[in-house]
Amino acid sequence: MKKYMLFLVAMMMSILLSACMSTEKSDPIVLPEEENVISISLSDNNATATCTDREQIGEILSILMDMESTSKLSVNDSPGVDDYIKIELSCADDTVKTLFFYEESGTAYVEQPYQGIYIPAPALNTIITDLLSNAEVLSQA
């Protein structure tokens, strides 16, 4: 009987600890429909690039839709890191969805303000790097 009680207490403790340690994932990212996006603009401190190519817009949106949610919260208008790339999805109805791409501790993230923080596929970094390398350099005034 003592072994049974000890086993029961151990099971209850395991259940209690696992419930306390569960991490809630971010809400799903909210993006416009692909056909509504007319351009995607990327900007960092040095350059800005705008993509209007339908195929590339589709590729970027596909990566953004398939991101892994994290348990990190987005509680500000912009990320709490110094270096980030601003991604603006301009839509046919004159609305703009803003996202931020950045790296922290060797991991790439996409943050949608007040919605969540996500881990994108490595292909997003490649696309962003390619677009910004061919971008218009901002004047240093």
N, C-alpha and C. Protein backbone atom coordinates (compact mmCIF):
# COMPACT_ATOMS: atom_id res chain seq x y z
N MET A 1 0.82 -1.20 0.00
CA MET A 1 0.00 0.00 0.00
C MET A 1 0.87 1.26 0.00
N LYS A 2 1.99 1.22 0.75
CA LYS A 2 2.89 2.37 0.78
C LYS A 2 3.47 2.63 -0.61
N LYS A 3 3.83 1.57 -1.31
CA LYS A 3 4.39 1.73 -2.65
C LYS A 3 3.35 2.34 -3.59
N TYR A 4 2.12 1.91 -3.44
CA TYR A 4 1.04 2.44 -4.27
C TYR A 4 0.85 3.94 -4.01
N MET A 5 0.86 4.35 -2.75
CA MET A 5 0.70 5.77 -2.39
C MET A 5 1.89 6.58 -2.89
N LEU A 6 3.09 6.03 -2.75
CA LEU A 6 4.29 6.72 -3.21
C LEU A 6 4.22 6.90 -4.73
N PHE A 7 3.80 5.85 -5.43
CA PHE A 7 3.65 5.92 -6.88
C PHE A 7 2.60 6.96 -7.26
N LEU A 8 1.49 7.00 -6.56
CA LEU A 8 0.42 7.94 -6.83
C LEU A 8 0.89 9.39 -6.61
N VAL A 9 1.62 9.62 -5.53
CA VAL A 9 2.15 10.96 -5.24
C VAL A 9 3.15 11.36 -6.33
N ALA A 10 4.01 10.44 -6.73
CA ALA A 10 4.99 10.74 -7.78
C ALA A 10 4.30 11.08 -9.09
N MET A 11 3.25 10.36 -9.43
CA MET A 11 2.50 10.64 -10.66
C MET A 11 1.83 12.01 -10.59
N MET A 12 1.25 12.33 -9.47
CA MET A 12 0.59 13.63 -9.30
C MET A 12 1.61 14.76 -9.42
N MET A 13 2.78 14.58 -8.86
CA MET A 13 3.83 15.60 -8.95
C MET A 13 4.29 15.76 -10.40
N SER A 14 4.42 14.65 -11.11
CA SER A 14 4.82 14.70 -12.52
C SER A 14 3.80 15.47 -13.35
N ILE A 15 2.55 15.17 -13.14
CA ILE A 15 1.48 15.86 -13.87
C ILE A 15 1.48 17.34 -13.54
N LEU A 16 1.60 17.66 -12.28
CA LEU A 16 1.61 19.05 -11.84
C LEU A 16 2.80 19.81 -12.43
N LEU A 17 3.97 19.22 -12.39
CA LEU A 17 5.16 19.88 -12.94
C LEU A 17 5.06 20.05 -14.45
N SER A 18 4.58 19.06 -15.14
CA SER A 18 4.47 19.19 -16.60
C SER A 18 3.43 20.24 -16.98
N ALA A 19 2.38 20.38 -16.21
CA ALA A 19 1.37 21.41 -16.49
C ALA A 19 1.93 22.80 -16.25
N CYS A 20 2.76 22.95 -15.23
CA CYS A 20 3.34 24.25 -14.92
C CYS A 20 4.40 24.66 -15.93
N MET A 21 5.05 23.68 -16.54
CA MET A 21 6.14 23.97 -17.45
C MET A 21 5.69 24.06 -18.91
N SER A 22 4.43 23.86 -19.18
CA SER A 22 3.99 23.90 -20.58
C SER A 22 4.16 25.32 -21.12
N THR A 23 4.57 25.41 -22.37
CA THR A 23 4.78 26.71 -22.99
C THR A 23 3.73 26.90 -24.08
N GLU A 24 3.07 28.01 -24.02
CA GLU A 24 2.05 28.33 -25.00
C GLU A 24 2.72 28.94 -26.22
N LYS A 25 2.36 28.50 -27.38
CA LYS A 25 2.93 29.01 -28.62
C LYS A 25 2.26 30.33 -28.99
N SER A 26 2.95 31.10 -29.85
CA SER A 26 2.40 32.36 -30.35
C SER A 26 1.13 32.09 -31.14
N ASP A 27 0.31 33.11 -31.25
CA ASP A 27 -0.86 33.02 -32.12
C ASP A 27 -0.37 32.89 -33.56
N PRO A 28 -1.15 32.31 -34.44
CA PRO A 28 -0.73 32.20 -35.84
C PRO A 28 -0.50 33.58 -36.44
N ILE A 29 0.44 33.65 -37.36
CA ILE A 29 0.73 34.92 -38.02
C ILE A 29 -0.48 35.33 -38.86
N VAL A 30 -0.72 36.63 -38.95
CA VAL A 30 -1.85 37.16 -39.73
C VAL A 30 -1.27 37.87 -40.95
N LEU A 31 -1.54 37.29 -42.12
CA LEU A 31 -1.03 37.84 -43.37
C LEU A 31 -2.17 38.02 -44.36
N PRO A 32 -2.00 38.97 -45.28
CA PRO A 32 -3.02 39.13 -46.32
C PRO A 32 -2.94 37.98 -47.33
N GLU A 33 -4.00 37.82 -48.10
CA GLU A 33 -4.01 36.82 -49.17
C GLU A 33 -2.97 37.22 -50.22
N GLU A 34 -2.35 36.22 -50.82
CA GLU A 34 -1.28 36.49 -51.80
C GLU A 34 -1.73 37.42 -52.92
N GLU A 35 -2.94 37.21 -53.44
CA GLU A 35 -3.41 38.04 -54.55
C GLU A 35 -3.63 39.50 -54.16
N ASN A 36 -3.73 39.78 -52.85
CA ASN A 36 -3.92 41.16 -52.39
C ASN A 36 -2.61 41.91 -52.18
N VAL A 37 -1.49 41.19 -52.13
CA VAL A 37 -0.19 41.83 -51.90
C VAL A 37 0.35 42.33 -53.24
N ILE A 38 0.58 43.66 -53.32
CA ILE A 38 1.09 44.22 -54.58
C ILE A 38 2.60 44.43 -54.53
N SER A 39 3.17 44.55 -53.33
CA SER A 39 4.63 44.67 -53.22
C SER A 39 5.08 44.32 -51.81
N ILE A 40 6.35 43.96 -51.72
CA ILE A 40 6.98 43.70 -50.43
C ILE A 40 8.22 44.58 -50.37
N SER A 41 8.30 45.43 -49.35
CA SER A 41 9.46 46.29 -49.17
C SER A 41 10.28 45.81 -47.99
N LEU A 42 11.59 45.82 -48.17
CA LEU A 42 12.52 45.44 -47.11
C LEU A 42 13.43 46.62 -46.86
N SER A 43 13.67 46.93 -45.60
CA SER A 43 14.60 48.02 -45.31
C SER A 43 15.37 47.74 -44.03
N ASP A 44 16.65 48.11 -44.09
CA ASP A 44 17.50 48.06 -42.90
C ASP A 44 18.11 49.45 -42.75
N ASN A 45 19.16 49.59 -41.98
CA ASN A 45 19.76 50.91 -41.77
C ASN A 45 20.46 51.45 -43.01
N ASN A 46 20.80 50.58 -43.96
CA ASN A 46 21.62 50.99 -45.10
C ASN A 46 20.90 51.03 -46.43
N ALA A 47 19.86 50.25 -46.59
CA ALA A 47 19.25 50.13 -47.91
C ALA A 47 17.77 49.80 -47.80
N THR A 48 17.09 50.01 -48.92
CA THR A 48 15.69 49.61 -49.01
C THR A 48 15.48 48.92 -50.36
N ALA A 49 14.69 47.88 -50.36
CA ALA A 49 14.40 47.13 -51.60
C ALA A 49 12.91 46.88 -51.68
N THR A 50 12.38 46.96 -52.89
CA THR A 50 10.96 46.68 -53.10
C THR A 50 10.83 45.59 -54.15
N CYS A 51 10.02 44.61 -53.83
CA CYS A 51 9.78 43.48 -54.73
C CYS A 51 8.34 43.54 -55.22
N THR A 52 8.17 43.55 -56.55
CA THR A 52 6.83 43.51 -57.13
C THR A 52 6.62 42.27 -57.99
N ASP A 53 7.63 41.42 -58.07
CA ASP A 53 7.57 40.19 -58.85
C ASP A 53 6.59 39.22 -58.19
N ARG A 54 5.53 38.84 -58.90
CA ARG A 54 4.47 37.98 -58.33
C ARG A 54 5.02 36.64 -57.84
N GLU A 55 5.95 36.07 -58.58
CA GLU A 55 6.52 34.77 -58.19
C GLU A 55 7.30 34.89 -56.88
N GLN A 56 8.10 35.94 -56.77
CA GLN A 56 8.89 36.13 -55.56
C GLN A 56 8.00 36.50 -54.37
N ILE A 57 6.97 37.28 -54.60
CA ILE A 57 6.01 37.60 -53.54
C ILE A 57 5.37 36.31 -53.03
N GLY A 58 4.97 35.45 -53.94
CA GLY A 58 4.39 34.16 -53.56
C GLY A 58 5.35 33.31 -52.76
N GLU A 59 6.61 33.30 -53.17
CA GLU A 59 7.63 32.52 -52.46
C GLU A 59 7.83 33.05 -51.04
N ILE A 60 7.92 34.36 -50.90
CA ILE A 60 8.10 34.97 -49.57
C ILE A 60 6.89 34.68 -48.68
N LEU A 61 5.70 34.88 -49.21
CA LEU A 61 4.49 34.63 -48.42
C LEU A 61 4.37 33.16 -48.02
N SER A 62 4.77 32.28 -48.90
CA SER A 62 4.74 30.85 -48.58
C SER A 62 5.65 30.53 -47.40
N ILE A 63 6.84 31.11 -47.40
CA ILE A 63 7.77 30.91 -46.28
C ILE A 63 7.18 31.50 -45.00
N LEU A 64 6.60 32.69 -45.10
CA LEU A 64 6.03 33.34 -43.92
C LEU A 64 4.85 32.55 -43.35
N MET A 65 4.05 31.94 -44.22
CA MET A 65 2.90 31.17 -43.75
C MET A 65 3.30 29.87 -43.06
N ASP A 66 4.47 29.34 -43.41
CA ASP A 66 4.91 28.05 -42.88
C ASP A 66 5.89 28.17 -41.71
N MET A 67 5.95 29.32 -41.08
CA MET A 67 6.90 29.51 -39.98
C MET A 67 6.47 28.75 -38.73
N GLU A 68 7.46 28.42 -37.92
CA GLU A 68 7.22 27.74 -36.64
C GLU A 68 6.96 28.78 -35.55
N SER A 69 5.88 28.63 -34.82
CA SER A 69 5.57 29.53 -33.71
C SER A 69 6.53 29.28 -32.57
N THR A 70 6.81 30.34 -31.82
CA THR A 70 7.63 30.21 -30.61
C THR A 70 6.77 30.57 -29.41
N SER A 71 7.33 30.43 -28.23
CA SER A 71 6.61 30.82 -27.02
C SER A 71 6.96 32.26 -26.63
N LYS A 72 7.76 32.94 -27.47
CA LYS A 72 8.12 34.33 -27.19
C LYS A 72 6.96 35.25 -27.54
N LEU A 73 6.81 36.30 -26.75
CA LEU A 73 5.73 37.26 -26.98
C LEU A 73 6.24 38.50 -27.69
N SER A 74 5.41 39.07 -28.52
CA SER A 74 5.71 40.35 -29.15
C SER A 74 4.88 41.40 -28.43
N VAL A 75 5.55 42.28 -27.70
CA VAL A 75 4.84 43.24 -26.85
C VAL A 75 5.17 44.70 -27.20
N ASN A 76 5.86 44.92 -28.32
CA ASN A 76 6.24 46.27 -28.73
C ASN A 76 5.96 46.47 -30.21
N ASP A 77 6.06 47.73 -30.64
CA ASP A 77 5.88 48.06 -32.05
C ASP A 77 7.02 47.55 -32.93
N SER A 78 8.20 47.36 -32.33
CA SER A 78 9.36 46.84 -33.05
C SER A 78 10.14 45.93 -32.11
N PRO A 79 11.00 45.08 -32.66
CA PRO A 79 11.73 44.12 -31.81
C PRO A 79 12.65 44.80 -30.81
N GLY A 80 12.97 44.08 -29.77
CA GLY A 80 13.87 44.58 -28.73
C GLY A 80 15.33 44.30 -29.04
N VAL A 81 15.69 44.33 -30.32
CA VAL A 81 17.08 44.14 -30.75
C VAL A 81 17.49 45.36 -31.56
N ASP A 82 18.81 45.58 -31.67
CA ASP A 82 19.30 46.75 -32.40
C ASP A 82 19.21 46.61 -33.91
N ASP A 83 19.59 45.46 -34.43
CA ASP A 83 19.63 45.26 -35.88
C ASP A 83 18.47 44.39 -36.33
N TYR A 84 17.62 44.96 -37.15
CA TYR A 84 16.51 44.20 -37.72
C TYR A 84 16.19 44.74 -39.11
N ILE A 85 15.49 43.94 -39.86
CA ILE A 85 15.04 44.32 -41.19
C ILE A 85 13.52 44.44 -41.15
N LYS A 86 13.04 45.57 -41.59
CA LYS A 86 11.60 45.83 -41.62
C LYS A 86 11.03 45.29 -42.93
N ILE A 87 9.98 44.50 -42.82
CA ILE A 87 9.31 43.92 -43.99
C ILE A 87 7.90 44.51 -44.03
N GLU A 88 7.57 45.18 -45.13
CA GLU A 88 6.24 45.76 -45.28
C GLU A 88 5.53 45.12 -46.46
N LEU A 89 4.37 44.55 -46.18
CA LEU A 89 3.54 43.94 -47.21
C LEU A 89 2.47 44.96 -47.60
N SER A 90 2.62 45.55 -48.78
CA SER A 90 1.65 46.56 -49.26
C SER A 90 0.55 45.86 -50.03
N CYS A 91 -0.68 46.19 -49.67
CA CYS A 91 -1.84 45.50 -50.25
C CYS A 91 -2.62 46.40 -51.20
N ALA A 92 -3.43 45.76 -52.03
CA ALA A 92 -4.23 46.48 -53.02
C ALA A 92 -5.24 47.42 -52.37
N ASP A 93 -5.65 47.14 -51.14
CA ASP A 93 -6.62 48.00 -50.45
C ASP A 93 -5.94 49.11 -49.64
N ASP A 94 -4.69 49.42 -49.97
CA ASP A 94 -3.89 50.48 -49.34
C ASP A 94 -3.52 50.21 -47.88
N THR A 95 -3.64 48.97 -47.43
CA THR A 95 -3.17 48.62 -46.08
C THR A 95 -1.75 48.08 -46.19
N VAL A 96 -1.05 48.15 -45.07
CA VAL A 96 0.33 47.65 -45.00
C VAL A 96 0.47 46.79 -43.76
N LYS A 97 0.94 45.57 -43.93
CA LYS A 97 1.27 44.68 -42.80
C LYS A 97 2.76 44.79 -42.58
N THR A 98 3.17 45.03 -41.33
CA THR A 98 4.58 45.18 -41.01
C THR A 98 5.08 44.00 -40.19
N LEU A 99 6.21 43.47 -40.60
CA LEU A 99 6.90 42.38 -39.91
C LEU A 99 8.35 42.80 -39.73
N PHE A 100 9.05 42.11 -38.86
CA PHE A 100 10.47 42.38 -38.64
C PHE A 100 11.24 41.07 -38.68
N PHE A 101 12.38 41.08 -39.37
CA PHE A 101 13.26 39.92 -39.46
C PHE A 101 14.54 40.27 -38.71
N TYR A 102 14.99 39.37 -37.83
CA TYR A 102 16.24 39.61 -37.11
C TYR A 102 16.83 38.29 -36.63
N GLU A 103 18.08 38.37 -36.21
CA GLU A 103 18.75 37.21 -35.63
C GLU A 103 19.10 37.52 -34.19
N GLU A 104 18.93 36.50 -33.35
CA GLU A 104 19.27 36.63 -31.94
C GLU A 104 19.82 35.29 -31.47
N SER A 105 21.01 35.31 -30.91
CA SER A 105 21.68 34.10 -30.43
C SER A 105 21.77 33.03 -31.52
N GLY A 106 22.05 33.46 -32.75
CA GLY A 106 22.24 32.53 -33.85
C GLY A 106 20.96 31.98 -34.47
N THR A 107 19.81 32.43 -34.02
CA THR A 107 18.53 31.96 -34.56
C THR A 107 17.82 33.12 -35.25
N ALA A 108 17.28 32.86 -36.45
CA ALA A 108 16.53 33.88 -37.18
C ALA A 108 15.09 33.88 -36.69
N TYR A 109 14.52 35.09 -36.60
CA TYR A 109 13.13 35.24 -36.16
C TYR A 109 12.41 36.22 -37.08
N VAL A 110 11.10 36.04 -37.18
CA VAL A 110 10.21 37.03 -37.78
C VAL A 110 9.22 37.40 -36.70
N GLU A 111 9.08 38.70 -36.48
CA GLU A 111 8.16 39.18 -35.44
C GLU A 111 7.05 40.00 -36.08
N GLN A 112 5.83 39.67 -35.72
CA GLN A 112 4.68 40.48 -36.11
C GLN A 112 4.22 41.18 -34.84
N PRO A 113 4.34 42.52 -34.80
CA PRO A 113 4.03 43.25 -33.56
C PRO A 113 2.69 42.85 -32.95
N TYR A 114 2.76 42.55 -31.66
CA TYR A 114 1.60 42.19 -30.82
C TYR A 114 0.92 40.89 -31.22
N GLN A 115 1.46 40.18 -32.21
CA GLN A 115 0.86 38.93 -32.65
C GLN A 115 1.71 37.74 -32.22
N GLY A 116 3.01 37.80 -32.50
CA GLY A 116 3.87 36.68 -32.13
C GLY A 116 5.25 36.77 -32.75
N ILE A 117 6.09 35.83 -32.35
CA ILE A 117 7.46 35.71 -32.86
C ILE A 117 7.60 34.30 -33.42
N TYR A 118 8.18 34.21 -34.61
CA TYR A 118 8.20 32.96 -35.36
C TYR A 118 9.61 32.66 -35.88
N ILE A 119 9.85 31.38 -36.16
CA ILE A 119 11.13 30.95 -36.73
C ILE A 119 10.88 30.60 -38.20
N PRO A 120 11.49 31.37 -39.13
CA PRO A 120 11.27 31.09 -40.55
C PRO A 120 12.25 30.04 -41.08
N ALA A 121 11.96 29.54 -42.27
CA ALA A 121 12.89 28.66 -42.97
C ALA A 121 14.12 29.47 -43.37
N PRO A 122 15.30 28.84 -43.43
CA PRO A 122 16.52 29.55 -43.82
C PRO A 122 16.42 30.23 -45.18
N ALA A 123 15.55 29.76 -46.04
CA ALA A 123 15.39 30.36 -47.37
C ALA A 123 14.99 31.83 -47.29
N LEU A 124 14.28 32.22 -46.24
CA LEU A 124 13.87 33.62 -46.10
C LEU A 124 15.09 34.53 -45.96
N ASN A 125 16.07 34.10 -45.18
CA ASN A 125 17.30 34.88 -45.01
C ASN A 125 18.00 35.05 -46.36
N THR A 126 18.03 34.01 -47.16
CA THR A 126 18.67 34.07 -48.48
C THR A 126 17.95 35.07 -49.38
N ILE A 127 16.63 35.02 -49.41
CA ILE A 127 15.85 35.95 -50.24
C ILE A 127 16.06 37.38 -49.79
N ILE A 128 16.00 37.61 -48.49
CA ILE A 128 16.18 38.97 -47.95
C ILE A 128 17.57 39.49 -48.29
N THR A 129 18.59 38.66 -48.10
CA THR A 129 19.97 39.06 -48.39
C THR A 129 20.11 39.41 -49.87
N ASP A 130 19.55 38.59 -50.76
CA ASP A 130 19.63 38.85 -52.20
C ASP A 130 18.94 40.16 -52.57
N LEU A 131 17.75 40.37 -52.04
CA LEU A 131 17.01 41.60 -52.37
C LEU A 131 17.74 42.84 -51.86
N LEU A 132 18.24 42.79 -50.64
CA LEU A 132 18.92 43.96 -50.08
C LEU A 132 20.28 44.21 -50.74
N SER A 133 20.93 43.15 -51.23
CA SER A 133 22.23 43.35 -51.89
C SER A 133 22.06 44.09 -53.22
N ASN A 134 20.88 44.01 -53.81
CA ASN A 134 20.59 44.72 -55.06
C ASN A 134 19.76 45.98 -54.83
N ALA A 135 19.67 46.41 -53.58
CA ALA A 135 18.77 47.51 -53.21
C ALA A 135 19.41 48.87 -53.40
N GLU A 136 18.55 49.85 -53.36
CA GLU A 136 18.97 51.24 -53.40
C GLU A 136 19.56 51.61 -52.04
N VAL A 137 20.79 52.11 -52.05
CA VAL A 137 21.46 52.48 -50.80
C VAL A 137 20.90 53.82 -50.33
N LEU A 138 20.57 53.87 -49.04
CA LEU A 138 20.03 55.10 -48.47
C LEU A 138 21.14 56.11 -48.25
N SER A 139 20.85 57.37 -48.46
CA SER A 139 21.86 58.41 -48.26
C SER A 139 22.16 58.58 -46.79
N GLN A 140 23.39 58.83 -46.49
CA GLN A 140 23.84 59.01 -45.11
C GLN A 140 23.85 60.50 -44.78
N ALA A 141 22.70 61.08 -44.54
CA ALA A 141 22.59 62.52 -44.28
C ALA A 141 22.69 62.83 -42.82
